[in-house]
Amino acid sequence: MQQLPSPGVAVFRLGGREHRLAAMQEAGTDALFFLFTDETNRDETYGAGRELEAEAPVGDKVVRDFNRADSPTCAISAYSLYLLLPRQNRLPL
C-alpha cells in the first residue's frame, strides 16, 4: 500500500464552525489535493467521497473551490483504484 505525504491541514470556517481537511501531495508537485466526504455522499454524490485539487499554497493560504470537487475515476470505472481518504476528512455538512 502506498501512502502519500500530508504537508498539513487546511482549516476553514463554514456556518460558524471550524472544519479541517488533511491535504495530500504527490511527489514532484507543489499542488495539493483533498479526498473528502460530506453528507451528500449518501444519495447525491459517489458514496466513497470526492476529490478536490488546489494550487500550491501561497504563504499559509490555500484556495479550495468546493464547486470544482470531482468524483474519482473509480466512480465510473470498475478498473481503477481509489485512495482511501483520511478519517478526519469526513465533513459534517
PDB file of N, CA and C in Angstrom:
ATOM      1  N   MET A   1       0.845  -1.183   0.000  1.00  0.00           N
ATOM      2  CA  MET A   1       0.000   0.000   0.000  1.00  0.00           C
ATOM      3  C   MET A   1       0.891   1.247   0.000  1.00  0.00           C
ATOM      4  N   GLN A   2       0.589   2.156  -0.885  1.00  0.00           N
ATOM      5  CA  GLN A   2       1.342   3.403  -0.984  1.00  0.00           C
ATOM      6  C   GLN A   2       0.683   4.465  -0.115  1.00  0.00           C
ATOM      7  N   GLN A   3       1.496   5.220   0.610  1.00  0.00           N
ATOM      8  CA  GLN A   3       0.976   6.318   1.402  1.00  0.00           C
ATOM      9  C   GLN A   3       1.540   7.622   0.851  1.00  0.00           C
ATOM     10  N   LEU A   4       0.668   8.597   0.660  1.00  0.00           N
ATOM     11  CA  LEU A   4       1.102   9.906   0.184  1.00  0.00           C
ATOM     12  C   LEU A   4       1.356  10.820   1.361  1.00  0.00           C
ATOM     13  N   PRO A   5       2.352  11.680   1.243  1.00  0.00           N
ATOM     14  CA  PRO A   5       2.618  12.602   2.341  1.00  0.00           C
ATOM     15  C   PRO A   5       1.512  13.637   2.496  1.00  0.00           C
ATOM     16  N   SER A   6       1.308  14.054   3.722  1.00  0.00           N
ATOM     17  CA  SER A   6       0.359  15.126   4.016  1.00  0.00           C
ATOM     18  C   SER A   6       1.166  16.312   4.537  1.00  0.00           C
ATOM     19  N   PRO A   7       1.274  17.364   3.730  1.00  0.00           N
ATOM     20  CA  PRO A   7       2.075  18.505   4.137  1.00  0.00           C
ATOM     21  C   PRO A   7       1.404  19.378   5.200  1.00  0.00           C
ATOM     22  N   GLY A   8       0.156  19.084   5.524  1.00  0.00           N
ATOM     23  CA  GLY A   8      -0.520  19.889   6.541  1.00  0.00           C
ATOM     24  C   GLY A   8      -2.024  19.775   6.455  1.00  0.00           C
ATOM     25  N   VAL A   9      -2.662  20.633   7.214  1.00  0.00           N
ATOM     26  CA  VAL A   9      -4.115  20.643   7.320  1.00  0.00           C
ATOM     27  C   VAL A   9      -4.631  22.008   6.893  1.00  0.00           C
ATOM     28  N   ALA A  10      -5.663  22.004   6.057  1.00  0.00           N
ATOM     29  CA  ALA A  10      -6.322  23.250   5.656  1.00  0.00           C
ATOM     30  C   ALA A  10      -7.514  23.471   6.592  1.00  0.00           C
ATOM     31  N   VAL A  11      -7.604  24.659   7.151  1.00  0.00           N
ATOM     32  CA  VAL A  11      -8.661  24.994   8.100  1.00  0.00           C
ATOM     33  C   VAL A  11      -9.568  26.041   7.463  1.00  0.00           C
ATOM     34  N   PHE A  12     -10.884  25.846   7.604  1.00  0.00           N
ATOM     35  CA  PHE A  12     -11.822  26.839   7.095  1.00  0.00           C
ATOM     36  C   PHE A  12     -13.042  26.896   8.001  1.00  0.00           C
ATOM     37  N   ARG A  13     -13.775  27.994   7.919  1.00  0.00           N
ATOM     38  CA  ARG A  13     -14.989  28.176   8.709  1.00  0.00           C
ATOM     39  C   ARG A  13     -16.186  28.190   7.763  1.00  0.00           C
ATOM     40  N   LEU A  14     -17.240  27.502   8.185  1.00  0.00           N
ATOM     41  CA  LEU A  14     -18.484  27.477   7.425  1.00  0.00           C
ATOM     42  C   LEU A  14     -19.618  27.287   8.420  1.00  0.00           C
ATOM     43  N   GLY A  15     -20.623  28.123   8.313  1.00  0.00           N
ATOM     44  CA  GLY A  15     -21.756  28.014   9.221  1.00  0.00           C
ATOM     45  C   GLY A  15     -21.373  28.235  10.673  1.00  0.00           C
ATOM     46  N   GLY A  16     -20.367  29.072  10.900  1.00  0.00           N
ATOM     47  CA  GLY A  16     -19.940  29.366  12.259  1.00  0.00           C
ATOM     48  C   GLY A  16     -19.091  28.281  12.905  1.00  0.00           C
ATOM     49  N   ARG A  17     -18.748  27.230  12.147  1.00  0.00           N
ATOM     50  CA  ARG A  17     -17.943  26.139  12.692  1.00  0.00           C
ATOM     51  C   ARG A  17     -16.629  26.017  11.945  1.00  0.00           C
ATOM     52  N   GLU A  18     -15.615  25.611  12.660  1.00  0.00           N
ATOM     53  CA  GLU A  18     -14.316  25.377  12.055  1.00  0.00           C
ATOM     54  C   GLU A  18     -14.243  23.934  11.553  1.00  0.00           C
ATOM     55  N   HIS A  19     -13.722  23.770  10.343  1.00  0.00           N
ATOM     56  CA  HIS A  19     -13.554  22.447   9.736  1.00  0.00           C
ATOM     57  C   HIS A  19     -12.107  22.313   9.283  1.00  0.00           C
ATOM     58  N   ARG A  20     -11.630  21.084   9.237  1.00  0.00           N
ATOM     59  CA  ARG A  20     -10.251  20.812   8.840  1.00  0.00           C
ATOM     60  C   ARG A  20     -10.224  19.693   7.808  1.00  0.00           C
ATOM     61  N   LEU A  21      -9.340  19.845   6.845  1.00  0.00           N
ATOM     62  CA  LEU A  21      -9.118  18.800   5.848  1.00  0.00           C
ATOM     63  C   LEU A  21      -7.617  18.554   5.732  1.00  0.00           C
ATOM     64  N   ALA A  22      -7.212  17.312   5.864  1.00  0.00           N
ATOM     65  CA  ALA A  22      -5.814  16.951   5.656  1.00  0.00           C
ATOM     66  C   ALA A  22      -5.528  16.994   4.160  1.00  0.00           C
ATOM     67  N   ALA A  23      -4.487  17.706   3.795  1.00  0.00           N
ATOM     68  CA  ALA A  23      -4.076  17.811   2.394  1.00  0.00           C
ATOM     69  C   ALA A  23      -3.157  16.644   2.054  1.00  0.00           C
ATOM     70  N   MET A  24      -3.123  16.289   0.789  1.00  0.00           N
ATOM     71  CA  MET A  24      -2.181  15.292   0.292  1.00  0.00           C
ATOM     72  C   MET A  24      -1.418  15.890  -0.876  1.00  0.00           C
ATOM     73  N   GLN A  25      -0.252  15.310  -1.124  1.00  0.00           N
ATOM     74  CA  GLN A  25       0.600  15.873  -2.168  1.00  0.00           C
ATOM     75  C   GLN A  25       1.355  14.744  -2.859  1.00  0.00           C
ATOM     76  N   GLU A  26       1.262  14.733  -4.173  1.00  0.00           N
ATOM     77  CA  GLU A  26       2.004  13.736  -4.938  1.00  0.00           C
ATOM     78  C   GLU A  26       3.441  14.209  -5.125  1.00  0.00           C
ATOM     79  N   ALA A  27       4.358  13.269  -5.213  1.00  0.00           N
ATOM     80  CA  ALA A  27       5.774  13.588  -5.396  1.00  0.00           C
ATOM     81  C   ALA A  27       5.977  14.411  -6.658  1.00  0.00           C
ATOM     82  N   GLY A  28       6.844  15.398  -6.579  1.00  0.00           N
ATOM     83  CA  GLY A  28       7.194  16.195  -7.741  1.00  0.00           C
ATOM     84  C   GLY A  28       6.253  17.344  -8.048  1.00  0.00           C
ATOM     85  N   THR A  29       5.302  17.636  -7.181  1.00  0.00           N
ATOM     86  CA  THR A  29       4.378  18.744  -7.423  1.00  0.00           C
ATOM     87  C   THR A  29       4.162  19.546  -6.145  1.00  0.00           C
ATOM     88  N   ASP A  30       3.872  20.830  -6.322  1.00  0.00           N
ATOM     89  CA  ASP A  30       3.542  21.681  -5.179  1.00  0.00           C
ATOM     90  C   ASP A  30       2.037  21.747  -4.952  1.00  0.00           C
ATOM     91  N   ALA A  31       1.275  21.285  -5.948  1.00  0.00           N
ATOM     92  CA  ALA A  31      -0.185  21.323  -5.832  1.00  0.00           C
ATOM     93  C   ALA A  31      -0.652  20.363  -4.740  1.00  0.00           C
ATOM     94  N   LEU A  32      -1.794  20.663  -4.180  1.00  0.00           N
ATOM     95  CA  LEU A  32      -2.381  19.832  -3.133  1.00  0.00           C
ATOM     96  C   LEU A  32      -3.657  19.197  -3.648  1.00  0.00           C
ATOM     97  N   PHE A  33      -4.061  18.116  -3.022  1.00  0.00           N
ATOM     98  CA  PHE A  33      -5.395  17.610  -3.277  1.00  0.00           C
ATOM     99  C   PHE A  33      -5.979  17.072  -1.983  1.00  0.00           C
ATOM    100  N   PHE A  34      -7.290  17.050  -1.961  1.00  0.00           N
ATOM    101  CA  PHE A  34      -8.034  16.652  -0.782  1.00  0.00           C
ATOM    102  C   PHE A  34      -9.031  15.575  -1.177  1.00  0.00           C
ATOM    103  N   LEU A  35      -9.068  14.507  -0.431  1.00  0.00           N
ATOM    104  CA  LEU A  35     -10.115  13.498  -0.560  1.00  0.00           C
ATOM    105  C   LEU A  35     -11.032  13.715   0.631  1.00  0.00           C
ATOM    106  N   PHE A  36     -12.345  13.799   0.374  1.00  0.00           N
ATOM    107  CA  PHE A  36     -13.253  14.083   1.475  1.00  0.00           C
ATOM    108  C   PHE A  36     -14.630  13.491   1.224  1.00  0.00           C
ATOM    109  N   THR A  37     -15.384  13.377   2.283  1.00  0.00           N
ATOM    110  CA  THR A  37     -16.794  13.026   2.185  1.00  0.00           C
ATOM    111  C   THR A  37     -17.597  14.097   2.907  1.00  0.00           C
ATOM    112  N   ASP A  38     -18.863  14.171   2.555  1.00  0.00           N
ATOM    113  CA  ASP A  38     -19.795  15.040   3.272  1.00  0.00           C
ATOM    114  C   ASP A  38     -21.154  14.362   3.249  1.00  0.00           C
ATOM    115  N   GLU A  39     -22.158  15.008   3.733  1.00  0.00           N
ATOM    116  CA  GLU A  39     -23.473  14.367   3.847  1.00  0.00           C
ATOM    117  C   GLU A  39     -24.156  14.108   2.501  1.00  0.00           C
ATOM    118  N   THR A  40     -23.647  14.687   1.409  1.00  0.00           N
ATOM    119  CA  THR A  40     -24.231  14.406   0.097  1.00  0.00           C
ATOM    120  C   THR A  40     -23.809  13.040  -0.427  1.00  0.00           C
ATOM    121  N   ASN A  41     -22.792  12.430   0.173  1.00  0.00           N
ATOM    122  CA  ASN A  41     -22.298  11.144  -0.314  1.00  0.00           C
ATOM    123  C   ASN A  41     -23.291  10.004  -0.112  1.00  0.00           C
ATOM    124  N   ARG A  42     -24.327  10.221   0.602  1.00  0.00           N
ATOM    125  CA  ARG A  42     -25.330   9.170   0.799  1.00  0.00           C
ATOM    126  C   ARG A  42     -26.173   8.965  -0.454  1.00  0.00           C
ATOM    127  N   ASP A  43     -26.676  10.063  -1.014  1.00  0.00           N
ATOM    128  CA  ASP A  43     -27.637   9.950  -2.111  1.00  0.00           C
ATOM    129  C   ASP A  43     -27.282  10.759  -3.350  1.00  0.00           C
ATOM    130  N   GLU A  44     -26.558  11.843  -3.195  1.00  0.00           N
ATOM    131  CA  GLU A  44     -26.371  12.787  -4.291  1.00  0.00           C
ATOM    132  C   GLU A  44     -25.031  12.655  -5.010  1.00  0.00           C
ATOM    133  N   THR A  45     -24.011  12.172  -4.330  1.00  0.00           N
ATOM    134  CA  THR A  45     -22.693  12.042  -4.944  1.00  0.00           C
ATOM    135  C   THR A  45     -22.142  10.654  -4.636  1.00  0.00           C
ATOM    136  N   TYR A  46     -21.032  10.311  -5.265  1.00  0.00           N
ATOM    137  CA  TYR A  46     -20.412   8.995  -5.105  1.00  0.00           C
ATOM    138  C   TYR A  46     -20.162   8.695  -3.626  1.00  0.00           C
ATOM    139  N   GLY A  47     -20.565   7.531  -3.185  1.00  0.00           N
ATOM    140  CA  GLY A  47     -20.541   7.176  -1.774  1.00  0.00           C
ATOM    141  C   GLY A  47     -19.180   7.173  -1.108  1.00  0.00           C
ATOM    142  N   ALA A  48     -18.128   6.847  -1.834  1.00  0.00           N
ATOM    143  CA  ALA A  48     -16.798   6.767  -1.228  1.00  0.00           C
ATOM    144  C   ALA A  48     -16.155   8.134  -1.023  1.00  0.00           C
ATOM    145  N   GLY A  49     -16.687   9.166  -1.648  1.00  0.00           N
ATOM    146  CA  GLY A  49     -16.128  10.501  -1.466  1.00  0.00           C
ATOM    147  C   GLY A  49     -15.849  11.204  -2.771  1.00  0.00           C
ATOM    148  N   ARG A  50     -15.271  12.364  -2.630  1.00  0.00           N
ATOM    149  CA  ARG A  50     -14.908  13.176  -3.797  1.00  0.00           C
ATOM    150  C   ARG A  50     -13.483  13.672  -3.629  1.00  0.00           C
ATOM    151  N   GLU A  51     -12.954  14.207  -4.700  1.00  0.00           N
ATOM    152  CA  GLU A  51     -11.600  14.757  -4.649  1.00  0.00           C
ATOM    153  C   GLU A  51     -11.611  16.200  -5.121  1.00  0.00           C
ATOM    154  N   LEU A  52     -10.695  16.946  -4.572  1.00  0.00           N
ATOM    155  CA  LEU A  52     -10.610  18.376  -4.865  1.00  0.00           C
ATOM    156  C   LEU A  52      -9.146  18.747  -5.002  1.00  0.00           C
ATOM    157  N   GLU A  53      -8.791  19.324  -6.121  1.00  0.00           N
ATOM    158  CA  GLU A  53      -7.415  19.783  -6.341  1.00  0.00           C
ATOM    159  C   GLU A  53      -7.310  21.248  -5.984  1.00  0.00           C
ATOM    160  N   ALA A  54      -6.137  21.643  -5.530  1.00  0.00           N
ATOM    161  CA  ALA A  54      -5.886  23.038  -5.191  1.00  0.00           C
ATOM    162  C   ALA A  54      -4.468  23.391  -5.613  1.00  0.00           C
ATOM    163  N   GLU A  55      -4.289  24.625  -6.039  1.00  0.00           N
ATOM    164  CA  GLU A  55      -2.943  25.073  -6.401  1.00  0.00           C
ATOM    165  C   GLU A  55      -2.075  25.118  -5.159  1.00  0.00           C
ATOM    166  N   ALA A  56      -0.790  25.204  -5.368  1.00  0.00           N
ATOM    167  CA  ALA A  56       0.154  25.266  -4.255  1.00  0.00           C
ATOM    168  C   ALA A  56      -0.195  26.434  -3.336  1.00  0.00           C
ATOM    169  N   PRO A  57      -0.015  26.257  -2.048  1.00  0.00           N
ATOM    170  CA  PRO A  57      -0.293  27.347  -1.107  1.00  0.00           C
ATOM    171  C   PRO A  57       0.597  28.558  -1.371  1.00  0.00           C
ATOM    172  N   VAL A  58       0.049  29.719  -1.098  1.00  0.00           N
ATOM    173  CA  VAL A  58       0.820  30.960  -1.140  1.00  0.00           C
ATOM    174  C   VAL A  58       0.952  31.404   0.307  1.00  0.00           C
ATOM    175  N   GLY A  59       2.172  31.293   0.828  1.00  0.00           N
ATOM    176  CA  GLY A  59       2.358  31.540   2.255  1.00  0.00           C
ATOM    177  C   GLY A  59       1.629  30.456   3.030  1.00  0.00           C
ATOM    178  N   ASP A  60       0.746  30.873   3.918  1.00  0.00           N
ATOM    179  CA  ASP A  60      -0.033  29.893   4.685  1.00  0.00           C
ATOM    180  C   ASP A  60      -1.484  29.807   4.206  1.00  0.00           C
ATOM    181  N   LYS A  61      -1.758  30.276   2.997  1.00  0.00           N
ATOM    182  CA  LYS A  61      -3.118  30.277   2.439  1.00  0.00           C
ATOM    183  C   LYS A  61      -3.221  29.307   1.261  1.00  0.00           C
ATOM    184  N   VAL A  62      -4.333  28.582   1.221  1.00  0.00           N
ATOM    185  CA  VAL A  62      -4.624  27.710   0.084  1.00  0.00           C
ATOM    186  C   VAL A  62      -6.079  27.959  -0.306  1.00  0.00           C
ATOM    187  N   VAL A  63      -6.313  28.074  -1.599  1.00  0.00           N
ATOM    188  CA  VAL A  63      -7.667  28.328  -2.096  1.00  0.00           C
ATOM    189  C   VAL A  63      -8.270  27.002  -2.540  1.00  0.00           C
ATOM    190  N   ARG A  64      -9.435  26.665  -1.979  1.00  0.00           N
ATOM    191  CA  ARG A  64     -10.173  25.465  -2.366  1.00  0.00           C
ATOM    192  C   ARG A  64     -11.552  25.900  -2.815  1.00  0.00           C
ATOM    193  N   ASP A  65     -11.931  25.479  -3.987  1.00  0.00           N
ATOM    194  CA  ASP A  65     -13.254  25.784  -4.517  1.00  0.00           C
ATOM    195  C   ASP A  65     -14.043  24.478  -4.569  1.00  0.00           C
ATOM    196  N   PHE A  66     -14.912  24.277  -3.590  1.00  0.00           N
ATOM    197  CA  PHE A  66     -15.654  23.022  -3.489  1.00  0.00           C
ATOM    198  C   PHE A  66     -16.596  22.809  -4.674  1.00  0.00           C
ATOM    199  N   ASN A  67     -16.875  23.857  -5.430  1.00  0.00           N
ATOM    200  CA  ASN A  67     -17.671  23.700  -6.651  1.00  0.00           C
ATOM    201  C   ASN A  67     -16.916  22.895  -7.706  1.00  0.00           C
ATOM    202  N   ARG A  68     -15.619  22.778  -7.547  1.00  0.00           N
ATOM    203  CA  ARG A  68     -14.795  22.043  -8.507  1.00  0.00           C
ATOM    204  C   ARG A  68     -14.476  20.619  -8.045  1.00  0.00           C
ATOM    205  N   ALA A  69     -15.092  20.163  -6.964  1.00  0.00           N
ATOM    206  CA  ALA A  69     -14.860  18.800  -6.488  1.00  0.00           C
ATOM    207  C   ALA A  69     -15.392  17.806  -7.512  1.00  0.00           C
ATOM    208  N   ASP A  70     -14.645  16.746  -7.731  1.00  0.00           N
ATOM    209  CA  ASP A  70     -14.999  15.730  -8.718  1.00  0.00           C
ATOM    210  C   ASP A  70     -15.179  14.376  -8.050  1.00  0.00           C
ATOM    211  N   SER A  71     -15.935  13.527  -8.712  1.00  0.00           N
ATOM    212  CA  SER A  71     -15.964  12.129  -8.316  1.00  0.00           C
ATOM    213  C   SER A  71     -14.685  11.485  -8.833  1.00  0.00           C
ATOM    214  N   PRO A  72     -14.119  10.558  -8.085  1.00  0.00           N
ATOM    215  CA  PRO A  72     -12.904   9.893  -8.559  1.00  0.00           C
ATOM    216  C   PRO A  72     -13.213   8.980  -9.738  1.00  0.00           C
ATOM    217  N   THR A  73     -12.185   8.589 -10.453  1.00  0.00           N
ATOM    218  CA  THR A  73     -12.339   7.727 -11.625  1.00  0.00           C
ATOM    219  C   THR A  73     -13.054   6.429 -11.273  1.00  0.00           C
ATOM    220  N   CYS A  74     -12.843   5.914 -10.067  1.00  0.00           N
ATOM    221  CA  CYS A  74     -13.476   4.647  -9.703  1.00  0.00           C
ATOM    222  C   CYS A  74     -14.995   4.765  -9.602  1.00  0.00           C
ATOM    223  N   ALA A  75     -15.530   5.975  -9.611  1.00  0.00           N
ATOM    224  CA  ALA A  75     -16.983   6.151  -9.590  1.00  0.00           C
ATOM    225  C   ALA A  75     -17.612   5.733 -10.914  1.00  0.00           C
ATOM    226  N   ILE A  76     -16.806   5.722 -11.983  1.00  0.00           N
ATOM    227  CA  ILE A  76     -17.359   5.373 -13.294  1.00  0.00           C
ATOM    228  C   ILE A  76     -16.673   4.172 -13.928  1.00  0.00           C
ATOM    229  N   SER A  77     -15.626   3.650 -13.293  1.00  0.00           N
ATOM    230  CA  SER A  77     -14.905   2.523 -13.870  1.00  0.00           C
ATOM    231  C   SER A  77     -14.540   1.516 -12.783  1.00  0.00           C
ATOM    232  N   ALA A  78     -14.855   0.279 -13.025  1.00  0.00           N
ATOM    233  CA  ALA A  78     -14.503  -0.782 -12.078  1.00  0.00           C
ATOM    234  C   ALA A  78     -13.028  -1.158 -12.180  1.00  0.00           C
ATOM    235  N   TYR A  79     -12.312  -0.562 -13.125  1.00  0.00           N
ATOM    236  CA  TYR A  79     -10.924  -0.913 -13.364  1.00  0.00           C
ATOM    237  C   TYR A  79      -9.936   0.131 -12.861  1.00  0.00           C
ATOM    238  N   SER A  80     -10.352   0.954 -11.949  1.00  0.00           N
ATOM    239  CA  SER A  80      -9.436   1.953 -11.384  1.00  0.00           C
ATOM    240  C   SER A  80      -9.418   1.816  -9.866  1.00  0.00           C
ATOM    241  N   LEU A  81      -8.376   2.328  -9.285  1.00  0.00           N
ATOM    242  CA  LEU A  81      -8.207   2.278  -7.831  1.00  0.00           C
ATOM    243  C   LEU A  81      -8.556   3.619  -7.219  1.00  0.00           C
ATOM    244  N   TYR A  82      -8.919   3.590  -5.958  1.00  0.00           N
ATOM    245  CA  TYR A  82      -9.255   4.815  -5.241  1.00  0.00           C
ATOM    246  C   TYR A  82      -8.449   4.863  -3.961  1.00  0.00           C
ATOM    247  N   LEU A  83      -7.860   6.004  -3.699  1.00  0.00           N
ATOM    248  CA  LEU A  83      -7.136   6.187  -2.447  1.00  0.00           C
ATOM    249  C   LEU A  83      -8.125   6.242  -1.295  1.00  0.00           C
ATOM    250  N   LEU A  84      -7.761   5.659  -0.188  1.00  0.00           N
ATOM    251  CA  LEU A  84      -8.605   5.768   0.999  1.00  0.00           C
ATOM    252  C   LEU A  84      -8.429   7.147   1.596  1.00  0.00           C
ATOM    253  N   LEU A  85      -9.529   7.787   1.900  1.00  0.00           N
ATOM    254  CA  LEU A  85      -9.429   9.137   2.417  1.00  0.00           C
ATOM    255  C   LEU A  85      -9.104   9.127   3.900  1.00  0.00           C
ATOM    256  N   PRO A  86      -8.408  10.153   4.356  1.00  0.00           N
ATOM    257  CA  PRO A  86      -8.103  10.239   5.780  1.00  0.00           C
ATOM    258  C   PRO A  86      -9.393  10.335   6.599  1.00  0.00           C
ATOM    259  N   ARG A  87      -9.429   9.649   7.701  1.00  0.00           N
ATOM    260  CA  ARG A  87     -10.629   9.619   8.548  1.00  0.00           C
ATOM    261  C   ARG A  87     -11.100  11.021   8.924  1.00  0.00           C
ATOM    262  N   GLN A  88     -10.163  11.938   9.156  1.00  0.00           N
ATOM    263  CA  GLN A  88     -10.530  13.294   9.581  1.00  0.00           C
ATOM    264  C   GLN A  88     -11.145  14.123   8.444  1.00  0.00           C
ATOM    265  N   ASN A  89     -11.134  13.605   7.221  1.00  0.00           N
ATOM    266  CA  ASN A  89     -11.692  14.348   6.092  1.00  0.00           C
ATOM    267  C   ASN A  89     -13.162  14.018   5.826  1.00  0.00           C
ATOM    268  N   ARG A  90     -13.897  13.721   6.864  1.00  0.00           N
ATOM    269  CA  ARG A  90     -15.342  13.493   6.782  1.00  0.00           C
ATOM    270  C   ARG A  90     -16.035  14.737   7.324  1.00  0.00           C
ATOM    271  N   LEU A  91     -16.604  15.519   6.426  1.00  0.00           N
ATOM    272  CA  LEU A  91     -17.212  16.794   6.816  1.00  0.00           C
ATOM    273  C   LEU A  91     -18.679  16.620   7.205  1.00  0.00           C
ATOM    274  N   PRO A  92     -19.087  17.167   8.340  1.00  0.00           N
ATOM    275  CA  PRO A  92     -20.495  17.086   8.769  1.00  0.00           C
ATOM    276  C   PRO A  92     -21.324  18.200   8.145  1.00  0.00           C
ATOM    277  N   LEU A  93     -21.303  18.283   6.814  1.00  0.00           N
ATOM    278  CA  LEU A  93     -22.007  19.360   6.088  1.00  0.00           C
ATOM    279  C   LEU A  93     -22.994  18.771   5.116  1.00  0.00           C
TER     280      LEU A  93
END
